[in-house]
Amino acid sequence: MKYIPFVADSKRAMDEYICSIFMGGKQTFVVHNTFEGPLLASPLIYDLAILTELASRVTYKVANEYQPFHSVLSI
C-alpha cells in the first residue's frame, strides 16, 4: 500500500470477479471498497496477541528444569 495525502488514512480497493455462466457467457462483479487504515492493523494485533499467548505456554529445558518463555520476550 502506498500513502496518498489526498485520501489520508482511507484506502480504496477495487476487486473484480469473473464467473462463467450458461451458454458460454461471463458475469463480472466489480466491488469498490473504502476502508480506514487502522482497521487493517486489527487482525495483526489479534494474531500477535494469540501468538504471544501460545508462546507463553512453550517450555524449554535448562539444567534439568523446564522454564516457560516470558510472554513479553517470547516473540
PDB file of N, CA and C in Angstrom:
ATOM      1  N   MET A   1       0.832  -1.172   0.000  1.00  0.00           N
ATOM      2  CA  MET A   1       0.000   0.000   0.000  1.00  0.00           C
ATOM      3  C   MET A   1       0.879   1.239   0.000  1.00  0.00           C
ATOM      4  N   LYS A   2       0.348   2.252  -0.568  1.00  0.00           N
ATOM      5  CA  LYS A   2       1.096   3.490  -0.703  1.00  0.00           C
ATOM      6  C   LYS A   2       0.286   4.619  -0.077  1.00  0.00           C
ATOM      7  N   TYR A   3       0.942   5.465   0.701  1.00  0.00           N
ATOM      8  CA  TYR A   3       0.247   6.582   1.336  1.00  0.00           C
ATOM      9  C   TYR A   3       0.036   7.686   0.313  1.00  0.00           C
ATOM     10  N   ILE A   4      -1.196   8.133   0.186  1.00  0.00           N
ATOM     11  CA  ILE A   4      -1.542   9.225  -0.719  1.00  0.00           C
ATOM     12  C   ILE A   4      -2.192  10.311   0.128  1.00  0.00           C
ATOM     13  N   PRO A   5      -1.602  11.504   0.186  1.00  0.00           N
ATOM     14  CA  PRO A   5      -2.134  12.555   1.060  1.00  0.00           C
ATOM     15  C   PRO A   5      -3.603  12.892   0.797  1.00  0.00           C
ATOM     16  N   PHE A   6      -4.042  12.799  -0.446  1.00  0.00           N
ATOM     17  CA  PHE A   6      -5.420  13.158  -0.779  1.00  0.00           C
ATOM     18  C   PHE A   6      -6.440  12.297  -0.036  1.00  0.00           C
ATOM     19  N   VAL A   7      -6.175  10.991   0.096  1.00  0.00           N
ATOM     20  CA  VAL A   7      -7.130  10.099   0.764  1.00  0.00           C
ATOM     21  C   VAL A   7      -6.778   9.862   2.224  1.00  0.00           C
ATOM     22  N   ALA A   8      -5.620  10.330   2.663  1.00  0.00           N
ATOM     23  CA  ALA A   8      -5.175  10.204   4.065  1.00  0.00           C
ATOM     24  C   ALA A   8      -5.196   8.746   4.503  1.00  0.00           C
ATOM     25  N   ASP A   9      -5.897   8.434   5.604  1.00  0.00           N
ATOM     26  CA  ASP A   9      -5.912   7.060   6.104  1.00  0.00           C
ATOM     27  C   ASP A   9      -6.927   6.171   5.400  1.00  0.00           C
ATOM     28  N   SER A  10      -7.796   6.738   4.593  1.00  0.00           N
ATOM     29  CA  SER A  10      -8.771   5.924   3.868  1.00  0.00           C
ATOM     30  C   SER A  10      -8.084   5.246   2.689  1.00  0.00           C
ATOM     31  N   LYS A  11      -8.325   3.980   2.548  1.00  0.00           N
ATOM     32  CA  LYS A  11      -7.762   3.224   1.430  1.00  0.00           C
ATOM     33  C   LYS A  11      -8.908   2.759   0.551  1.00  0.00           C
ATOM     34  N   ARG A  12      -8.641   2.671  -0.723  1.00  0.00           N
ATOM     35  CA  ARG A  12      -9.672   2.238  -1.660  1.00  0.00           C
ATOM     36  C   ARG A  12      -9.163   1.020  -2.406  1.00  0.00           C
ATOM     37  N   ALA A  13     -10.041   0.060  -2.561  1.00  0.00           N
ATOM     38  CA  ALA A  13      -9.685  -1.161  -3.277  1.00  0.00           C
ATOM     39  C   ALA A  13     -10.789  -1.486  -4.276  1.00  0.00           C
ATOM     40  N   MET A  14     -10.384  -2.035  -5.409  1.00  0.00           N
ATOM     41  CA  MET A  14     -11.361  -2.480  -6.393  1.00  0.00           C
ATOM     42  C   MET A  14     -11.080  -3.948  -6.682  1.00  0.00           C
ATOM     43  N   ASP A  15     -12.068  -4.774  -6.452  1.00  0.00           N
ATOM     44  CA  ASP A  15     -11.954  -6.202  -6.734  1.00  0.00           C
ATOM     45  C   ASP A  15     -12.878  -6.537  -7.889  1.00  0.00           C
ATOM     46  N   GLU A  16     -12.393  -7.399  -8.764  1.00  0.00           N
ATOM     47  CA  GLU A  16     -13.192  -7.798  -9.917  1.00  0.00           C
ATOM     48  C   GLU A  16     -13.251  -9.318  -9.953  1.00  0.00           C
ATOM     49  N   TYR A  17     -14.448  -9.859  -9.978  1.00  0.00           N
ATOM     50  CA  TYR A  17     -14.665 -11.300 -10.019  1.00  0.00           C
ATOM     51  C   TYR A  17     -15.390 -11.634 -11.312  1.00  0.00           C
ATOM     52  N   ILE A  18     -14.878 -12.617 -12.027  1.00  0.00           N
ATOM     53  CA  ILE A  18     -15.486 -13.032 -13.287  1.00  0.00           C
ATOM     54  C   ILE A  18     -15.934 -14.483 -13.141  1.00  0.00           C
ATOM     55  N   CYS A  19     -17.204 -14.746 -13.450  1.00  0.00           N
ATOM     56  CA  CYS A  19     -17.780 -16.087 -13.339  1.00  0.00           C
ATOM     57  C   CYS A  19     -18.261 -16.541 -14.712  1.00  0.00           C
ATOM     58  N   SER A  20     -18.158 -17.835 -14.946  1.00  0.00           N
ATOM     59  CA  SER A  20     -18.736 -18.408 -16.164  1.00  0.00           C
ATOM     60  C   SER A  20     -20.200 -18.724 -15.899  1.00  0.00           C
ATOM     61  N   ILE A  21     -21.057 -18.340 -16.829  1.00  0.00           N
ATOM     62  CA  ILE A  21     -22.482 -18.641 -16.697  1.00  0.00           C
ATOM     63  C   ILE A  21     -22.920 -19.470 -17.905  1.00  0.00           C
ATOM     64  N   PHE A  22     -24.185 -19.772 -17.990  1.00  0.00           N
ATOM     65  CA  PHE A  22     -24.678 -20.657 -19.040  1.00  0.00           C
ATOM     66  C   PHE A  22     -24.466 -20.066 -20.431  1.00  0.00           C
ATOM     67  N   MET A  23     -24.427 -20.944 -21.413  1.00  0.00           N
ATOM     68  CA  MET A  23     -24.254 -20.612 -22.833  1.00  0.00           C
ATOM     69  C   MET A  23     -22.949 -19.864 -23.104  1.00  0.00           C
ATOM     70  N   GLY A  24     -21.913 -20.178 -22.340  1.00  0.00           N
ATOM     71  CA  GLY A  24     -20.593 -19.605 -22.577  1.00  0.00           C
ATOM     72  C   GLY A  24     -20.438 -18.154 -22.173  1.00  0.00           C
ATOM     73  N   GLY A  25     -21.409 -17.626 -21.466  1.00  0.00           N
ATOM     74  CA  GLY A  25     -21.337 -16.226 -21.053  1.00  0.00           C
ATOM     75  C   GLY A  25     -20.463 -16.024 -19.826  1.00  0.00           C
ATOM     76  N   LYS A  26     -20.135 -14.798 -19.582  1.00  0.00           N
ATOM     77  CA  LYS A  26     -19.340 -14.439 -18.401  1.00  0.00           C
ATOM     78  C   LYS A  26     -20.063 -13.336 -17.650  1.00  0.00           C
ATOM     79  N   GLN A  27     -20.015 -13.438 -16.331  1.00  0.00           N
ATOM     80  CA  GLN A  27     -20.622 -12.423 -15.480  1.00  0.00           C
ATOM     81  C   GLN A  27     -19.505 -11.792 -14.662  1.00  0.00           C
ATOM     82  N   THR A  28     -19.479 -10.483 -14.602  1.00  0.00           N
ATOM     83  CA  THR A  28     -18.425  -9.765 -13.894  1.00  0.00           C
ATOM     84  C   THR A  28     -19.019  -8.990 -12.729  1.00  0.00           C
ATOM     85  N   PHE A  29     -18.430  -9.203 -11.563  1.00  0.00           N
ATOM     86  CA  PHE A  29     -18.783  -8.430 -10.375  1.00  0.00           C
ATOM     87  C   PHE A  29     -17.626  -7.486 -10.090  1.00  0.00           C
ATOM     88  N   VAL A  30     -17.911  -6.219  -9.933  1.00  0.00           N
ATOM     89  CA  VAL A  30     -16.891  -5.241  -9.567  1.00  0.00           C
ATOM     90  C   VAL A  30     -17.299  -4.641  -8.231  1.00  0.00           C
ATOM     91  N   VAL A  31     -16.399  -4.732  -7.257  1.00  0.00           N
ATOM     92  CA  VAL A  31     -16.687  -4.250  -5.907  1.00  0.00           C
ATOM     93  C   VAL A  31     -15.672  -3.173  -5.556  1.00  0.00           C
ATOM     94  N   HIS A  32     -16.166  -2.019  -5.142  1.00  0.00           N
ATOM     95  CA  HIS A  32     -15.304  -0.934  -4.678  1.00  0.00           C
ATOM     96  C   HIS A  32     -15.417  -0.856  -3.162  1.00  0.00           C
ATOM     97  N   ASN A  33     -14.294  -0.891  -2.481  1.00  0.00           N
ATOM     98  CA  ASN A  33     -14.284  -0.808  -1.019  1.00  0.00           C
ATOM     99  C   ASN A  33     -13.468   0.396  -0.575  1.00  0.00           C
ATOM    100  N   THR A  34     -13.971   1.103   0.401  1.00  0.00           N
ATOM    101  CA  THR A  34     -13.218   2.169   1.053  1.00  0.00           C
ATOM    102  C   THR A  34     -13.134   1.808   2.524  1.00  0.00           C
ATOM    103  N   PHE A  35     -11.918   1.761   3.058  1.00  0.00           N
ATOM    104  CA  PHE A  35     -11.751   1.381   4.451  1.00  0.00           C
ATOM    105  C   PHE A  35     -10.656   2.218   5.078  1.00  0.00           C
ATOM    106  N   GLU A  36     -10.684   2.294   6.375  1.00  0.00           N
ATOM    107  CA  GLU A  36      -9.725   3.101   7.118  1.00  0.00           C
ATOM    108  C   GLU A  36      -8.455   2.300   7.392  1.00  0.00           C
ATOM    109  N   GLY A  37      -7.322   2.976   7.398  1.00  0.00           N
ATOM    110  CA  GLY A  37      -6.034   2.336   7.625  1.00  0.00           C
ATOM    111  C   GLY A  37      -5.920   1.597   8.942  1.00  0.00           C
ATOM    112  N   PRO A  38      -6.376   2.170  10.074  1.00  0.00           N
ATOM    113  CA  PRO A  38      -6.247   1.454  11.349  1.00  0.00           C
ATOM    114  C   PRO A  38      -7.000   0.128  11.381  1.00  0.00           C
ATOM    115  N   LEU A  39      -8.051  -0.013  10.581  1.00  0.00           N
ATOM    116  CA  LEU A  39      -8.778  -1.283  10.562  1.00  0.00           C
ATOM    117  C   LEU A  39      -7.934  -2.402   9.982  1.00  0.00           C
ATOM    118  N   LEU A  40      -6.946  -2.052   9.159  1.00  0.00           N
ATOM    119  CA  LEU A  40      -6.066  -3.069   8.603  1.00  0.00           C
ATOM    120  C   LEU A  40      -5.184  -3.693   9.672  1.00  0.00           C
ATOM    121  N   ALA A  41      -4.874  -2.942  10.718  1.00  0.00           N
ATOM    122  CA  ALA A  41      -3.985  -3.433  11.765  1.00  0.00           C
ATOM    123  C   ALA A  41      -4.696  -4.333  12.765  1.00  0.00           C
ATOM    124  N   SER A  42      -6.010  -4.302  12.819  1.00  0.00           N
ATOM    125  CA  SER A  42      -6.752  -5.091  13.813  1.00  0.00           C
ATOM    126  C   SER A  42      -6.442  -6.581  13.746  1.00  0.00           C
ATOM    127  N   PRO A  43      -6.492  -7.223  12.572  1.00  0.00           N
ATOM    128  CA  PRO A  43      -6.167  -8.649  12.535  1.00  0.00           C
ATOM    129  C   PRO A  43      -4.729  -8.934  12.957  1.00  0.00           C
ATOM    130  N   LEU A  44      -3.803  -8.039  12.650  1.00  0.00           N
ATOM    131  CA  LEU A  44      -2.415  -8.249  13.057  1.00  0.00           C
ATOM    132  C   LEU A  44      -2.261  -8.194  14.566  1.00  0.00           C
ATOM    133  N   ILE A  45      -2.985  -7.295  15.208  1.00  0.00           N
ATOM    134  CA  ILE A  45      -2.917  -7.188  16.663  1.00  0.00           C
ATOM    135  C   ILE A  45      -3.476  -8.453  17.302  1.00  0.00           C
ATOM    136  N   TYR A  46      -4.597  -8.953  16.773  1.00  0.00           N
ATOM    137  CA  TYR A  46      -5.159 -10.210  17.285  1.00  0.00           C
ATOM    138  C   TYR A  46      -4.173 -11.356  17.099  1.00  0.00           C
ATOM    139  N   ASP A  47      -3.552 -11.444  15.917  1.00  0.00           N
ATOM    140  CA  ASP A  47      -2.584 -12.508  15.663  1.00  0.00           C
ATOM    141  C   ASP A  47      -1.416 -12.438  16.627  1.00  0.00           C
ATOM    142  N   LEU A  48      -0.903 -11.237  16.880  1.00  0.00           N
ATOM    143  CA  LEU A  48       0.213 -11.101  17.820  1.00  0.00           C
ATOM    144  C   LEU A  48      -0.181 -11.491  19.235  1.00  0.00           C
ATOM    145  N   ALA A  49      -1.383 -11.132  19.646  1.00  0.00           N
ATOM    146  CA  ALA A  49      -1.844 -11.498  20.990  1.00  0.00           C
ATOM    147  C   ALA A  49      -1.979 -13.012  21.123  1.00  0.00           C
ATOM    148  N   ILE A  50      -2.535 -13.660  20.112  1.00  0.00           N
ATOM    149  CA  ILE A  50      -2.691 -15.119  20.151  1.00  0.00           C
ATOM    150  C   ILE A  50      -1.337 -15.802  20.102  1.00  0.00           C
ATOM    151  N   LEU A  51      -0.438 -15.318  19.256  1.00  0.00           N
ATOM    152  CA  LEU A  51       0.893 -15.912  19.151  1.00  0.00           C
ATOM    153  C   LEU A  51       1.682 -15.745  20.444  1.00  0.00           C
ATOM    154  N   THR A  52       1.561 -14.588  21.085  1.00  0.00           N
ATOM    155  CA  THR A  52       2.247 -14.352  22.358  1.00  0.00           C
ATOM    156  C   THR A  52       1.704 -15.274  23.437  1.00  0.00           C
ATOM    157  N   GLU A  53       0.383 -15.449  23.477  1.00  0.00           N
ATOM    158  CA  GLU A  53      -0.218 -16.339  24.471  1.00  0.00           C
ATOM    159  C   GLU A  53       0.225 -17.781  24.230  1.00  0.00           C
ATOM    160  N   LEU A  54       0.284 -18.191  22.969  1.00  0.00           N
ATOM    161  CA  LEU A  54       0.739 -19.537  22.638  1.00  0.00           C
ATOM    162  C   LEU A  54       2.205 -19.730  23.019  1.00  0.00           C
ATOM    163  N   ALA A  55       3.039 -18.735  22.727  1.00  0.00           N
ATOM    164  CA  ALA A  55       4.464 -18.839  23.048  1.00  0.00           C
ATOM    165  C   ALA A  55       4.698 -18.876  24.553  1.00  0.00           C
ATOM    166  N   SER A  56       3.806 -18.280  25.336  1.00  0.00           N
ATOM    167  CA  SER A  56       3.983 -18.325  26.795  1.00  0.00           C
ATOM    168  C   SER A  56       3.717 -19.722  27.345  1.00  0.00           C
ATOM    169  N   ARG A  57       3.062 -20.585  26.579  1.00  0.00           N
ATOM    170  CA  ARG A  57       2.827 -21.969  27.005  1.00  0.00           C
ATOM    171  C   ARG A  57       4.009 -22.880  26.707  1.00  0.00           C
ATOM    172  N   VAL A  58       4.894 -22.458  25.814  1.00  0.00           N
ATOM    173  CA  VAL A  58       6.046 -23.270  25.428  1.00  0.00           C
ATOM    174  C   VAL A  58       7.070 -23.267  26.553  1.00  0.00           C
ATOM    175  N   THR A  59       7.620 -24.435  26.836  1.00  0.00           N
ATOM    176  CA  THR A  59       8.673 -24.525  27.855  1.00  0.00           C
ATOM    177  C   THR A  59       9.934 -25.082  27.218  1.00  0.00           C
ATOM    178  N   TYR A  60      11.055 -24.748  27.806  1.00  0.00           N
ATOM    179  CA  TYR A  60      12.336 -25.267  27.347  1.00  0.00           C
ATOM    180  C   TYR A  60      13.127 -25.730  28.567  1.00  0.00           C
ATOM    181  N   LYS A  61      14.047 -26.653  28.316  1.00  0.00           N
ATOM    182  CA  LYS A  61      14.763 -27.292  29.420  1.00  0.00           C
ATOM    183  C   LYS A  61      16.140 -26.666  29.594  1.00  0.00           C
ATOM    184  N   VAL A  62      16.406 -26.230  30.825  1.00  0.00           N
ATOM    185  CA  VAL A  62      17.715 -25.690  31.183  1.00  0.00           C
ATOM    186  C   VAL A  62      18.122 -26.345  32.497  1.00  0.00           C
ATOM    187  N   ALA A  63      19.244 -27.039  32.477  1.00  0.00           N
ATOM    188  CA  ALA A  63      19.783 -27.684  33.687  1.00  0.00           C
ATOM    189  C   ALA A  63      18.727 -28.563  34.365  1.00  0.00           C
ATOM    190  N   ASN A  64      18.172 -29.499  33.599  1.00  0.00           N
ATOM    191  CA  ASN A  64      17.176 -30.454  34.104  1.00  0.00           C
ATOM    192  C   ASN A  64      15.933 -29.794  34.688  1.00  0.00           C
ATOM    193  N   GLU A  65      15.617 -28.605  34.244  1.00  0.00           N
ATOM    194  CA  GLU A  65      14.430 -27.912  34.729  1.00  0.00           C
ATOM    195  C   GLU A  65      13.754 -27.223  33.545  1.00  0.00           C
ATOM    196  N   TYR A  66      12.448 -27.370  33.464  1.00  0.00           N
ATOM    197  CA  TYR A  66      11.692 -26.740  32.389  1.00  0.00           C
ATOM    198  C   TYR A  66      11.298 -25.327  32.788  1.00  0.00           C
ATOM    199  N   GLN A  67      11.520 -24.389  31.862  1.00  0.00           N
ATOM    200  CA  GLN A  67      11.171 -22.994  32.111  1.00  0.00           C
ATOM    201  C   GLN A  67      10.306 -22.480  30.965  1.00  0.00           C
ATOM    202  N   PRO A  68       9.291 -21.681  31.287  1.00  0.00           N
ATOM    203  CA  PRO A  68       8.458 -21.122  30.206  1.00  0.00           C
ATOM    204  C   PRO A  68       9.097 -19.864  29.626  1.00  0.00           C
ATOM    205  N   PHE A  69       8.720 -19.563  28.389  1.00  0.00           N
ATOM    206  CA  PHE A  69       9.102 -18.276  27.825  1.00  0.00           C
ATOM    207  C   PHE A  69       8.358 -17.176  28.570  1.00  0.00           C
ATOM    208  N   HIS A  70       8.977 -16.041  28.706  1.00  0.00           N
ATOM    209  CA  HIS A  70       8.272 -14.883  29.256  1.00  0.00           C
ATOM    210  C   HIS A  70       7.383 -14.335  28.149  1.00  0.00           C
ATOM    211  N   SER A  71       6.164 -13.968  28.472  1.00  0.00           N
ATOM    212  CA  SER A  71       5.211 -13.565  27.430  1.00  0.00           C
ATOM    213  C   SER A  71       5.664 -12.329  26.656  1.00  0.00           C
ATOM    214  N   VAL A  72       6.440 -11.452  27.278  1.00  0.00           N
ATOM    215  CA  VAL A  72       6.909 -10.256  26.579  1.00  0.00           C
ATOM    216  C   VAL A  72       8.107 -10.575  25.694  1.00  0.00           C
ATOM    217  N   LEU A  73       8.964 -11.457  26.130  1.00  0.00           N
ATOM    218  CA  LEU A  73      10.199 -11.744  25.406  1.00  0.00           C
ATOM    219  C   LEU A  73      10.087 -12.941  24.475  1.00  0.00           C
ATOM    220  N   SER A  74       8.935 -13.553  24.386  1.00  0.00           N
ATOM    221  CA  SER A  74       8.832 -14.784  23.619  1.00  0.00           C
ATOM    222  C   SER A  74       8.828 -14.559  22.117  1.00  0.00           C
ATOM    223  N   ILE A  75       8.509 -13.378  21.669  1.00  0.00           N
ATOM    224  CA  ILE A  75       8.448 -13.135  20.226  1.00  0.00           C
ATOM    225  C   ILE A  75       9.690 -12.501  19.764  1.00  0.00           C
TER     226      ILE A  75
END
